[in-house]
PDB file of N, CA and C in Angstrom:
ATOM      1  N   MET A   1     207.846  14.669 -81.509  1.00  0.00           N
ATOM      2  CA  MET A   1     206.940  15.786 -81.580  1.00  0.00           C
ATOM      3  C   MET A   1     206.344  15.851 -82.989  1.00  0.00           C
ATOM      4  N   THR A   2     205.036  15.882 -83.097  1.00  0.00           N
ATOM      5  CA  THR A   2     204.374  15.939 -84.400  1.00  0.00           C
ATOM      6  C   THR A   2     204.140  17.387 -84.799  1.00  0.00           C
ATOM      7  N   LEU A   3     204.229  17.597 -86.078  1.00  0.00           N
ATOM      8  CA  LEU A   3     204.001  18.940 -86.613  1.00  0.00           C
ATOM      9  C   LEU A   3     202.519  19.162 -86.849  1.00  0.00           C
ATOM     10  N   LYS A   4     202.091  20.395 -86.647  1.00  0.00           N
ATOM     11  CA  LYS A   4     200.699  20.749 -86.905  1.00  0.00           C
ATOM     12  C   LYS A   4     200.439  20.725 -88.400  1.00  0.00           C
ATOM     13  N   ARG A   5     199.324  20.191 -88.762  1.00  0.00           N
ATOM     14  CA  ARG A   5     198.942  20.193 -90.174  1.00  0.00           C
ATOM     15  C   ARG A   5     198.349  21.565 -90.493  1.00  0.00           C
ATOM     16  N   ARG A   6     198.917  22.214 -91.496  1.00  0.00           N
ATOM     17  CA  ARG A   6     198.453  23.542 -91.871  1.00  0.00           C
ATOM     18  C   ARG A   6     197.366  23.435 -92.927  1.00  0.00           C
ATOM     19  N   LYS A   7     196.432  24.356 -92.891  1.00  0.00           N
ATOM     20  CA  LYS A   7     195.375  24.403 -93.900  1.00  0.00           C
ATOM     21  C   LYS A   7     195.916  25.064 -95.156  1.00  0.00           C
ATOM     22  N   SER A   8     195.453  24.599 -96.282  1.00  0.00           N
ATOM     23  CA  SER A   8     195.862  25.189 -97.554  1.00  0.00           C
ATOM     24  C   SER A   8     195.266  26.578 -97.703  1.00  0.00           C
ATOM     25  N   LYS A   9     196.063  27.493 -98.217  1.00  0.00           N
ATOM     26  CA  LYS A   9     195.594  28.861 -98.444  1.00  0.00           C
ATOM     27  C   LYS A   9     195.140  29.048 -99.891  1.00  0.00           C
ATOM     28  N   VAL A  10     195.245  28.009-100.663  1.00  0.00           N
ATOM     29  CA  VAL A  10     194.855  28.054-102.080  1.00  0.00           C
ATOM     30  C   VAL A  10     193.409  27.583-102.189  1.00  0.00           C
ATOM     31  N   PRO A  11     192.582  28.310-102.954  1.00  0.00           N
ATOM     32  CA  PRO A  11     191.194  27.848-103.111  1.00  0.00           C
ATOM     33  C   PRO A  11     191.161  26.518-103.866  1.00  0.00           C
ATOM     34  N   PRO A  12     190.150  25.693-103.581  1.00  0.00           N
ATOM     35  CA  PRO A  12     190.068  24.410-104.292  1.00  0.00           C
ATOM     36  C   PRO A  12     189.885  24.646-105.787  1.00  0.00           C
ATOM     37  N   PRO A  13     190.372  23.715-106.617  1.00  0.00           N
ATOM     38  CA  PRO A  13     190.239  23.899-108.067  1.00  0.00           C
ATOM     39  C   PRO A  13     188.778  23.925-108.486  1.00  0.00           C
ATOM     40  N   MET A  14     188.530  24.702-109.513  1.00  0.00           N
ATOM     41  CA  MET A  14     187.175  24.781-110.052  1.00  0.00           C
ATOM     42  C   MET A  14     186.886  23.497-110.823  1.00  0.00           C
ATOM     43  N   PRO A  15     185.612  23.143-110.931  1.00  0.00           N
ATOM     44  CA  PRO A  15     185.295  21.976-111.765  1.00  0.00           C
ATOM     45  C   PRO A  15     185.737  22.250-113.207  1.00  0.00           C
ATOM     46  N   ALA A  16     185.976  21.185-113.930  1.00  0.00           N
ATOM     47  CA  ALA A  16     186.464  21.319-115.310  1.00  0.00           C
ATOM     48  C   ALA A  16     185.527  22.190-116.136  1.00  0.00           C
ATOM     49  N   CYS A  17     186.123  23.133-116.839  1.00  0.00           N
ATOM     50  CA  CYS A  17     185.316  24.005-117.691  1.00  0.00           C
ATOM     51  C   CYS A  17     184.939  23.241-118.969  1.00  0.00           C
ATOM     52  N   PRO A  18     183.944  23.707-119.704  1.00  0.00           N
ATOM     53  CA  PRO A  18     183.524  22.999-120.919  1.00  0.00           C
ATOM     54  C   PRO A  18     184.641  22.856-121.943  1.00  0.00           C
ATOM     55  N   LEU A  19     185.502  23.875-122.059  1.00  0.00           N
ATOM     56  CA  LEU A  19     186.604  23.790-123.019  1.00  0.00           C
ATOM     57  C   LEU A  19     187.560  22.664-122.627  1.00  0.00           C
ATOM     58  N   THR A  20     187.875  22.580-121.343  1.00  0.00           N
ATOM     59  CA  THR A  20     188.762  21.525-120.866  1.00  0.00           C
ATOM     60  C   THR A  20     188.154  20.154-121.133  1.00  0.00           C
ATOM     61  N   GLU A  21     186.856  20.041-120.900  1.00  0.00           N
ATOM     62  CA  GLU A  21     186.151  18.772-121.124  1.00  0.00           C
ATOM     63  C   GLU A  21     186.230  18.355-122.594  1.00  0.00           C
ATOM     64  N   CYS A  22     185.976  19.295-123.482  1.00  0.00           N
ATOM     65  CA  CYS A  22     185.993  18.994-124.919  1.00  0.00           C
ATOM     66  C   CYS A  22     187.405  18.689-125.406  1.00  0.00           C
ATOM     67  N   MET A  23     188.381  19.470-124.943  1.00  0.00           N
ATOM     68  CA  MET A  23     189.753  19.241-125.380  1.00  0.00           C
ATOM     69  C   MET A  23     190.303  17.924-124.830  1.00  0.00           C
ATOM     70  N   ALA A  24     189.853  17.530-123.647  1.00  0.00           N
ATOM     71  CA  ALA A  24     190.269  16.230-123.107  1.00  0.00           C
ATOM     72  C   ALA A  24     189.767  15.104-124.005  1.00  0.00           C
ATOM     73  N   LEU A  25     188.564  15.262-124.522  1.00  0.00           N
ATOM     74  CA  LEU A  25     188.007  14.259-125.436  1.00  0.00           C
ATOM     75  C   LEU A  25     188.790  14.251-126.752  1.00  0.00           C
ATOM     76  N   LEU A  26     188.953  15.429-127.355  1.00  0.00           N
ATOM     77  CA  LEU A  26     189.626  15.506-128.652  1.00  0.00           C
ATOM     78  C   LEU A  26     191.125  15.269-128.561  1.00  0.00           C
ATOM     79  N   GLY A  27     191.684  15.416-127.367  1.00  0.00           N
ATOM     80  CA  GLY A  27     193.118  15.245-127.198  1.00  0.00           C
ATOM     81  C   GLY A  27     193.561  13.794-127.154  1.00  0.00           C
ATOM     82  N   GLY A  28     192.634  12.865-127.084  1.00  0.00           N
ATOM     83  CA  GLY A  28     192.996  11.449-127.068  1.00  0.00           C
ATOM     84  C   GLY A  28     193.617  11.040-128.399  1.00  0.00           C
ATOM     85  N   ALA A  29     194.596  10.150-128.328  1.00  0.00           N
ATOM     86  CA  ALA A  29     195.280   9.711-129.546  1.00  0.00           C
ATOM     87  C   ALA A  29     194.282   9.177-130.568  1.00  0.00           C
ATOM     88  N   TRP A  30     194.337   9.706-131.756  1.00  0.00           N
ATOM     89  CA  TRP A  30     193.539   9.286-132.906  1.00  0.00           C
ATOM     90  C   TRP A  30     192.058   9.659-132.826  1.00  0.00           C
ATOM     91  N   THR A  31     191.613  10.276-131.742  1.00  0.00           N
ATOM     92  CA  THR A  31     190.190  10.581-131.596  1.00  0.00           C
ATOM     93  C   THR A  31     189.664  11.484-132.709  1.00  0.00           C
ATOM     94  N   PRO A  32     190.345  12.591-133.035  1.00  0.00           N
ATOM     95  CA  PRO A  32     189.827  13.417-134.141  1.00  0.00           C
ATOM     96  C   PRO A  32     189.737  12.644-135.461  1.00  0.00           C
ATOM     97  N   ASN A  33     190.693  11.756-135.697  1.00  0.00           N
ATOM     98  CA  ASN A  33     190.675  10.965-136.926  1.00  0.00           C
ATOM     99  C   ASN A  33     189.456  10.040-136.968  1.00  0.00           C
ATOM    100  N   VAL A  34     189.158   9.408-135.846  1.00  0.00           N
ATOM    101  CA  VAL A  34     188.006   8.511-135.780  1.00  0.00           C
ATOM    102  C   VAL A  34     186.728   9.301-136.046  1.00  0.00           C
ATOM    103  N   ILE A  35     186.586  10.444-135.392  1.00  0.00           N
ATOM    104  CA  ILE A  35     185.397  11.273-135.599  1.00  0.00           C
ATOM    105  C   ILE A  35     185.324  11.727-137.050  1.00  0.00           C
ATOM    106  N   TRP A  36     186.445  12.111-137.617  1.00  0.00           N
ATOM    107  CA  TRP A  36     186.486  12.576-139.009  1.00  0.00           C
ATOM    108  C   TRP A  36     185.985  11.495-139.970  1.00  0.00           C
ATOM    109  N   TYR A  37     186.489  10.288-139.808  1.00  0.00           N
ATOM    110  CA  TYR A  37     186.102   9.213-140.739  1.00  0.00           C
ATOM    111  C   TYR A  37     184.667   8.733-140.512  1.00  0.00           C
ATOM    112  N   LEU A  38     184.134   8.937-139.330  1.00  0.00           N
ATOM    113  CA  LEU A  38     182.736   8.585-139.089  1.00  0.00           C
ATOM    114  C   LEU A  38     181.788   9.691-139.551  1.00  0.00           C
ATOM    115  N   SER A  39     182.322  10.857-139.882  1.00  0.00           N
ATOM    116  CA  SER A  39     181.455  11.980-140.261  1.00  0.00           C
ATOM    117  C   SER A  39     180.777  11.755-141.614  1.00  0.00           C
ATOM    118  N   GLY A  40     181.357  10.926-142.460  1.00  0.00           N
ATOM    119  CA  GLY A  40     180.774  10.684-143.771  1.00  0.00           C
ATOM    120  C   GLY A  40     179.603   9.718-143.730  1.00  0.00           C
ATOM    121  N   GLU A  41     179.809   8.613-143.050  1.00  0.00           N
ATOM    122  CA  GLU A  41     178.784   7.570-142.958  1.00  0.00           C
ATOM    123  C   GLU A  41     179.198   6.578-141.882  1.00  0.00           C
ATOM    124  N   ALA A  42     178.304   5.677-141.549  1.00  0.00           N
ATOM    125  CA  ALA A  42     178.619   4.621-140.583  1.00  0.00           C
ATOM    126  C   ALA A  42     179.739   3.755-141.160  1.00  0.00           C
ATOM    127  N   ARG A  43     180.642   3.315-140.279  1.00  0.00           N
ATOM    128  CA  ARG A  43     181.783   2.500-140.713  1.00  0.00           C
ATOM    129  C   ARG A  43     181.918   1.296-139.794  1.00  0.00           C
ATOM    130  N   ARG A  44     182.368   0.183-140.378  1.00  0.00           N
ATOM    131  CA  ARG A  44     182.687  -0.994-139.578  1.00  0.00           C
ATOM    132  C   ARG A  44     184.118  -0.856-139.052  1.00  0.00           C
ATOM    133  N   PHE A  45     184.440  -1.668-138.053  1.00  0.00           N
ATOM    134  CA  PHE A  45     185.755  -1.608-137.421  1.00  0.00           C
ATOM    135  C   PHE A  45     186.871  -1.766-138.454  1.00  0.00           C
ATOM    136  N   SER A  46     186.745  -2.774-139.317  1.00  0.00           N
ATOM    137  CA  SER A  46     187.798  -3.031-140.308  1.00  0.00           C
ATOM    138  C   SER A  46     187.928  -1.872-141.300  1.00  0.00           C
ATOM    139  N   GLU A  47     186.824  -1.210-141.602  1.00  0.00           N
ATOM    140  CA  GLU A  47     186.882  -0.056-142.507  1.00  0.00           C
ATOM    141  C   GLU A  47     187.631   1.100-141.853  1.00  0.00           C
ATOM    142  N   LEU A  48     187.371   1.311-140.555  1.00  0.00           N
ATOM    143  CA  LEU A  48     188.103   2.356-139.835  1.00  0.00           C
ATOM    144  C   LEU A  48     189.592   2.023-139.755  1.00  0.00           C
ATOM    145  N   ARG A  49     189.912   0.754-139.582  1.00  0.00           N
ATOM    146  CA  ARG A  49     191.327   0.347-139.554  1.00  0.00           C
ATOM    147  C   ARG A  49     192.008   0.658-140.872  1.00  0.00           C
ATOM    148  N   SER A  50     191.306   0.464-141.986  1.00  0.00           N
ATOM    149  CA  SER A  50     191.928   0.780-143.273  1.00  0.00           C
ATOM    150  C   SER A  50     191.930   2.286-143.532  1.00  0.00           C
ATOM    151  N   ASP A  51     190.959   3.023-142.976  1.00  0.00           N
ATOM    152  CA  ASP A  51     190.963   4.484-143.101  1.00  0.00           C
ATOM    153  C   ASP A  51     192.153   5.102-142.367  1.00  0.00           C
ATOM    154  N   ILE A  52     192.497   4.516-141.218  1.00  0.00           N
ATOM    155  CA  ILE A  52     193.576   5.035-140.370  1.00  0.00           C
ATOM    156  C   ILE A  52     194.605   3.912-140.207  1.00  0.00           C
ATOM    157  N   PRO A  53     195.449   3.690-141.204  1.00  0.00           N
ATOM    158  CA  PRO A  53     196.320   2.512-141.196  1.00  0.00           C
ATOM    159  C   PRO A  53     197.328   2.454-140.048  1.00  0.00           C
ATOM    160  N   LEU A  54     197.731   3.569-139.477  1.00  0.00           N
ATOM    161  CA  LEU A  54     198.741   3.550-138.422  1.00  0.00           C
ATOM    162  C   LEU A  54     198.176   3.232-137.037  1.00  0.00           C
ATOM    163  N   ILE A  55     196.859   3.227-136.892  1.00  0.00           N
ATOM    164  CA  ILE A  55     196.254   2.955-135.583  1.00  0.00           C
ATOM    165  C   ILE A  55     196.220   1.452-135.331  1.00  0.00           C
ATOM    166  N   SER A  56     196.527   1.065-134.094  1.00  0.00           N
ATOM    167  CA  SER A  56     196.449  -0.362-133.755  1.00  0.00           C
ATOM    168  C   SER A  56     195.005  -0.732-133.441  1.00  0.00           C
ATOM    169  N   ALA A  57     194.701  -2.004-133.556  1.00  0.00           N
ATOM    170  CA  ALA A  57     193.351  -2.482-133.259  1.00  0.00           C
ATOM    171  C   ALA A  57     192.993  -2.193-131.804  1.00  0.00           C
ATOM    172  N   LYS A  58     193.948  -2.337-130.907  1.00  0.00           N
ATOM    173  CA  LYS A  58     193.705  -2.098-129.486  1.00  0.00           C
ATOM    174  C   LYS A  58     193.342  -0.631-129.227  1.00  0.00           C
ATOM    175  N   VAL A  59     194.094   0.287-129.821  1.00  0.00           N
ATOM    176  CA  VAL A  59     193.831   1.709-129.618  1.00  0.00           C
ATOM    177  C   VAL A  59     192.497   2.097-130.254  1.00  0.00           C
ATOM    178  N   LEU A  60     192.225   1.612-131.463  1.00  0.00           N
ATOM    179  CA  LEU A  60     190.963   1.927-132.120  1.00  0.00           C
ATOM    180  C   LEU A  60     189.787   1.419-131.291  1.00  0.00           C
ATOM    181  N   SER A  61     189.896   0.205-130.797  1.00  0.00           N
ATOM    182  CA  SER A  61     188.832  -0.344-129.967  1.00  0.00           C
ATOM    183  C   SER A  61     188.626   0.505-128.713  1.00  0.00           C
ATOM    184  N   GLY A  62     189.715   0.917-128.095  1.00  0.00           N
ATOM    185  CA  GLY A  62     189.631   1.763-126.906  1.00  0.00           C
ATOM    186  C   GLY A  62     188.995   3.106-127.191  1.00  0.00           C
ATOM    187  N   ARG A  63     189.364   3.721-128.318  1.00  0.00           N
ATOM    188  CA  ARG A  63     188.797   5.024-128.686  1.00  0.00           C
ATOM    189  C   ARG A  63     187.304   4.902-128.952  1.00  0.00           C
ATOM    190  N   LEU A  64     186.913   3.852-129.657  1.00  0.00           N
ATOM    191  CA  LEU A  64     185.497   3.668-129.969  1.00  0.00           C
ATOM    192  C   LEU A  64     184.678   3.463-128.695  1.00  0.00           C
ATOM    193  N   HIS A  65     185.210   2.686-127.763  1.00  0.00           N
ATOM    194  CA  HIS A  65     184.500   2.471-126.490  1.00  0.00           C
ATOM    195  C   HIS A  65     184.401   3.781-125.701  1.00  0.00           C
ATOM    196  N   GLU A  66     185.493   4.533-125.679  1.00  0.00           N
ATOM    197  CA  GLU A  66     185.506   5.809-124.962  1.00  0.00           C
ATOM    198  C   GLU A  66     184.501   6.787-125.576  1.00  0.00           C
ATOM    199  N   LEU A  67     184.494   6.865-126.897  1.00  0.00           N
ATOM    200  CA  LEU A  67     183.566   7.774-127.577  1.00  0.00           C
ATOM    201  C   LEU A  67     182.116   7.326-127.397  1.00  0.00           C
ATOM    202  N   GLU A  68     181.911   6.021-127.330  1.00  0.00           N
ATOM    203  CA  GLU A  68     180.565   5.513-127.078  1.00  0.00           C
ATOM    204  C   GLU A  68     180.120   5.880-125.657  1.00  0.00           C
ATOM    205  N   ASP A  69     181.018   5.720-124.691  1.00  0.00           N
ATOM    206  CA  ASP A  69     180.703   6.071-123.303  1.00  0.00           C
ATOM    207  C   ASP A  69     180.391   7.556-123.143  1.00  0.00           C
ATOM    208  N   LYS A  70     181.063   8.398-123.923  1.00  0.00           N
ATOM    209  CA  LYS A  70     180.862   9.852-123.838  1.00  0.00           C
ATOM    210  C   LYS A  70     179.639  10.318-124.631  1.00  0.00           C
ATOM    211  N   GLY A  71     179.003   9.411-125.369  1.00  0.00           N
ATOM    212  CA  GLY A  71     177.816   9.781-126.128  1.00  0.00           C
ATOM    213  C   GLY A  71     178.106  10.396-127.478  1.00  0.00           C
ATOM    214  N   VAL A  72     179.308  10.161-128.006  1.00  0.00           N
ATOM    215  CA  VAL A  72     179.720  10.732-129.287  1.00  0.00           C
ATOM    216  C   VAL A  72     179.506   9.738-130.428  1.00  0.00           C
ATOM    217  N   VAL A  73     179.597   8.452-130.120  1.00  0.00           N
ATOM    218  CA  VAL A  73     179.500   7.391-131.124  1.00  0.00           C
ATOM    219  C   VAL A  73     178.415   6.401-130.715  1.00  0.00           C
ATOM    220  N   ILE A  74     177.716   5.884-131.714  1.00  0.00           N
ATOM    221  CA  ILE A  74     176.732   4.819-131.508  1.00  0.00           C
ATOM    222  C   ILE A  74     177.307   3.535-132.089  1.00  0.00           C
ATOM    223  N   ARG A  75     177.202   2.464-131.337  1.00  0.00           N
ATOM    224  CA  ARG A  75     177.638   1.138-131.792  1.00  0.00           C
ATOM    225  C   ARG A  75     176.385   0.329-132.097  1.00  0.00           C
ATOM    226  N   LYS A  76     176.268  -0.127-133.347  1.00  0.00           N
ATOM    227  CA  LYS A  76     175.082  -0.872-133.765  1.00  0.00           C
ATOM    228  C   LYS A  76     175.506  -2.252-134.265  1.00  0.00           C
ATOM    229  N   VAL A  77     174.984  -3.277-133.611  1.00  0.00           N
ATOM    230  CA  VAL A  77     175.271  -4.658-134.020  1.00  0.00           C
ATOM    231  C   VAL A  77     174.305  -5.010-135.144  1.00  0.00           C
ATOM    232  N   MET A  78     174.859  -5.406-136.269  1.00  0.00           N
ATOM    233  CA  MET A  78     174.069  -5.737-137.443  1.00  0.00           C
ATOM    234  C   MET A  78     173.668  -7.222-137.401  1.00  0.00           C
ATOM    235  N   PRO A  79     172.433  -7.521-137.769  1.00  0.00           N
ATOM    236  CA  PRO A  79     171.968  -8.923-137.731  1.00  0.00           C
ATOM    237  C   PRO A  79     172.425  -9.706-138.962  1.00  0.00           C
ATOM    238  N   THR A  80     173.728  -9.858-139.084  1.00  0.00           N
ATOM    239  CA  THR A  80     174.285 -10.604-140.212  1.00  0.00           C
ATOM    240  C   THR A  80     174.935 -11.866-139.673  1.00  0.00           C
ATOM    241  N   SER A  81     175.321 -12.741-140.576  1.00  0.00           N
ATOM    242  CA  SER A  81     176.028 -13.939-140.174  1.00  0.00           C
ATOM    243  C   SER A  81     177.379 -13.960-140.881  1.00  0.00           C
ATOM    244  N   PRO A  82     178.473 -13.847-140.203  1.00  0.00           N
ATOM    245  CA  PRO A  82     178.619 -13.588-138.775  1.00  0.00           C
ATOM    246  C   PRO A  82     178.200 -12.155-138.438  1.00  0.00           C
ATOM    247  N   PRO A  83     177.878 -11.898-137.169  1.00  0.00           N
ATOM    248  CA  PRO A  83     177.451 -10.549-136.793  1.00  0.00           C
ATOM    249  C   PRO A  83     178.544  -9.522-137.062  1.00  0.00           C
ATOM    250  N   SER A  84     178.145  -8.348-137.497  1.00  0.00           N
ATOM    251  CA  SER A  84     179.094  -7.262-137.695  1.00  0.00           C
ATOM    252  C   SER A  84     178.595  -6.048-136.922  1.00  0.00           C
ATOM    253  N   VAL A  85     179.496  -5.113-136.692  1.00  0.00           N
ATOM    254  CA  VAL A  85     179.185  -3.930-135.908  1.00  0.00           C
ATOM    255  C   VAL A  85     179.496  -2.696-136.738  1.00  0.00           C
ATOM    256  N   GLU A  86     178.588  -1.739-136.713  1.00  0.00           N
ATOM    257  CA  GLU A  86     178.801  -0.455-137.374  1.00  0.00           C
ATOM    258  C   GLU A  86     178.855   0.640-136.329  1.00  0.00           C
ATOM    259  N   TYR A  87     179.713   1.612-136.575  1.00  0.00           N
ATOM    260  CA  TYR A  87     179.835   2.764-135.697  1.00  0.00           C
ATOM    261  C   TYR A  87     179.408   3.996-136.470  1.00  0.00           C
ATOM    262  N   SER A  88     178.693   4.880-135.803  1.00  0.00           N
ATOM    263  CA  SER A  88     178.284   6.142-136.422  1.00  0.00           C
ATOM    264  C   SER A  88     178.286   7.228-135.353  1.00  0.00           C
ATOM    265  N   LEU A  89     178.255   8.472-135.795  1.00  0.00           N
ATOM    266  CA  LEU A  89     178.251   9.595-134.867  1.00  0.00           C
ATOM    267  C   LEU A  89     176.844   9.878-134.363  1.00  0.00           C
ATOM    268  N   THR A  90     176.754  10.273-133.124  1.00  0.00           N
ATOM    269  CA  THR A  90     175.493  10.756-132.564  1.00  0.00           C
ATOM    270  C   THR A  90     175.348  12.224-132.977  1.00  0.00           C
ATOM    271  N   ALA A  91     174.236  12.839-132.603  1.00  0.00           N
ATOM    272  CA  ALA A  91     174.062  14.267-132.872  1.00  0.00           C
ATOM    273  C   ALA A  91     175.168  15.065-132.182  1.00  0.00           C
ATOM    274  N   LEU A  92     175.536  14.670-130.972  1.00  0.00           N
ATOM    275  CA  LEU A  92     176.620  15.341-130.254  1.00  0.00           C
ATOM    276  C   LEU A  92     177.940  15.173-131.002  1.00  0.00           C
ATOM    277  N   GLY A  93     178.180  13.985-131.514  1.00  0.00           N
ATOM    278  CA  GLY A  93     179.400  13.733-132.284  1.00  0.00           C
ATOM    279  C   GLY A  93     179.456  14.578-133.544  1.00  0.00           C
ATOM    280  N   ARG A  94     178.317  14.757-134.203  1.00  0.00           N
ATOM    281  CA  ARG A  94     178.278  15.581-135.420  1.00  0.00           C
ATOM    282  C   ARG A  94     178.602  17.040-135.125  1.00  0.00           C
ATOM    283  N   GLU A  95     178.311  17.481-133.905  1.00  0.00           N
ATOM    284  CA  GLU A  95     178.627  18.860-133.537  1.00  0.00           C
ATOM    285  C   GLU A  95     180.134  19.094-133.465  1.00  0.00           C
ATOM    286  N   LEU A  96     180.921  18.044-133.308  1.00  0.00           N
ATOM    287  CA  LEU A  96     182.376  18.174-133.251  1.00  0.00           C
ATOM    288  C   LEU A  96     183.017  18.301-134.632  1.00  0.00           C
ATOM    289  N   VAL A  97     182.317  17.885-135.666  1.00  0.00           N
ATOM    290  CA  VAL A  97     182.891  17.868-137.014  1.00  0.00           C
ATOM    291  C   VAL A  97     183.299  19.263-137.494  1.00  0.00           C
ATOM    292  N   PRO A  98     182.483  20.315-137.342  1.00  0.00           N
ATOM    293  CA  PRO A  98     182.942  21.641-137.779  1.00  0.00           C
ATOM    294  C   PRO A  98     184.203  22.111-137.049  1.00  0.00           C
ATOM    295  N   ALA A  99     184.343  21.760-135.780  1.00  0.00           N
ATOM    296  CA  ALA A  99     185.552  22.137-135.032  1.00  0.00           C
ATOM    297  C   ALA A  99     186.768  21.430-135.616  1.00  0.00           C
ATOM    298  N   ILE A 100     186.628  20.152-135.924  1.00  0.00           N
ATOM    299  CA  ILE A 100     187.737  19.400-136.518  1.00  0.00           C
ATOM    300  C   ILE A 100     188.037  19.944-137.915  1.00  0.00           C
ATOM    301  N   GLN A 101     186.991  20.291-138.682  1.00  0.00           N
ATOM    302  CA  GLN A 101     187.191  20.875-140.013  1.00  0.00           C
ATOM    303  C   GLN A 101     187.960  22.187-139.909  1.00  0.00           C
ATOM    304  N   ALA A 102     187.648  23.010-138.915  1.00  0.00           N
ATOM    305  CA  ALA A 102     188.360  24.277-138.720  1.00  0.00           C
ATOM    306  C   ALA A 102     189.834  24.021-138.414  1.00  0.00           C
ATOM    307  N   ILE A 103     190.117  22.998-137.610  1.00  0.00           N
ATOM    308  CA  ILE A 103     191.506  22.654-137.300  1.00  0.00           C
ATOM    309  C   ILE A 103     192.229  22.184-138.564  1.00  0.00           C
ATOM    310  N   VAL A 104     191.554  21.406-139.391  1.00  0.00           N
ATOM    311  CA  VAL A 104     192.139  20.939-140.653  1.00  0.00           C
ATOM    312  C   VAL A 104     192.450  22.134-141.555  1.00  0.00           C
ATOM    313  N   ASP A 105     191.531  23.084-141.638  1.00  0.00           N
ATOM    314  CA  ASP A 105     191.739  24.272-142.474  1.00  0.00           C
ATOM    315  C   ASP A 105     192.965  25.067-142.020  1.00  0.00           C
ATOM    316  N   VAL A 106     193.102  25.250-140.720  1.00  0.00           N
ATOM    317  CA  VAL A 106     194.265  25.966-140.187  1.00  0.00           C
ATOM    318  C   VAL A 106     195.530  25.162-140.466  1.00  0.00           C
ATOM    319  N   GLY A 107     195.459  23.843-140.343  1.00  0.00           N
ATOM    320  CA  GLY A 107     196.609  22.999-140.654  1.00  0.00           C
ATOM    321  C   GLY A 107     197.072  23.168-142.089  1.00  0.00           C
ATOM    322  N   HIS A 108     196.125  23.260-143.032  1.00  0.00           N
ATOM    323  CA  HIS A 108     196.487  23.491-144.437  1.00  0.00           C
ATOM    324  C   HIS A 108     197.181  24.835-144.595  1.00  0.00           C
ATOM    325  N   ARG A 109     196.668  25.867-143.944  1.00  0.00           N
ATOM    326  CA  ARG A 109     197.292  27.191-144.039  1.00  0.00           C
ATOM    327  C   ARG A 109     198.690  27.187-143.421  1.00  0.00           C
ATOM    328  N   LEU A 110     198.874  26.492-142.320  1.00  0.00           N
ATOM    329  CA  LEU A 110     200.186  26.390-141.701  1.00  0.00           C
ATOM    330  C   LEU A 110     201.169  25.685-142.618  1.00  0.00           C
ATOM    331  N   LYS A 111     200.708  24.620-143.292  1.00  0.00           N
ATOM    332  CA  LYS A 111     201.595  23.895-144.219  1.00  0.00           C
ATOM    333  C   LYS A 111     202.008  24.774-145.392  1.00  0.00           C
ATOM    334  N   ARG A 112     201.057  25.580-145.904  1.00  0.00           N
ATOM    335  CA  ARG A 112     201.387  26.478-147.022  1.00  0.00           C
ATOM    336  C   ARG A 112     202.401  27.530-146.584  1.00  0.00           C
ATOM    337  N   ARG A 113     202.244  28.063-145.374  1.00  0.00           N
ATOM    338  CA  ARG A 113     203.208  29.056-144.867  1.00  0.00           C
ATOM    339  C   ARG A 113     204.595  28.443-144.728  1.00  0.00           C
ATOM    340  N   LYS A 114     204.629  27.224-144.255  1.00  0.00           N
ATOM    341  CA  LYS A 114     205.915  26.536-144.052  1.00  0.00           C
ATOM    342  C   LYS A 114     206.605  26.285-145.382  1.00  0.00           C
ATOM    343  N   ALA A 115     205.819  25.949-146.403  1.00  0.00           N
ATOM    344  CA  ALA A 115     206.381  25.640-147.725  1.00  0.00           C
ATOM    345  C   ALA A 115     206.866  26.900-148.440  1.00  0.00           C
ATOM    346  N   ALA A 116     206.295  28.040-148.093  1.00  0.00           N
ATOM    347  CA  ALA A 116     206.645  29.301-148.792  1.00  0.00           C
ATOM    348  C   ALA A 116     207.977  29.853-148.357  1.00  0.00           C
TER     349      ALA A 116
END
């Protein structure tokens, strides 16, 4: 004897809200650091690796591709020999910098409270 399938009484989930979308982006490992170091000027892959020494090449490459897909980072191939690639923030990426700066400011205040 098969059991009747019951309908769910819970409404379907709402589409992701803008806050969830943004936090999902910033919540990726090392993503805020990558955005932070690109906020000053365009950087090459090796420069970003030295800026963030604990990040692996695989993770950095993945983050850069993800940020490029989301429209936060621009990848520009330079016509040099051998070819090199520079990464920079898009206008959308630059809009994230004040949010990251605010988080850094709160982090400094938290550290001072902890030390006191």
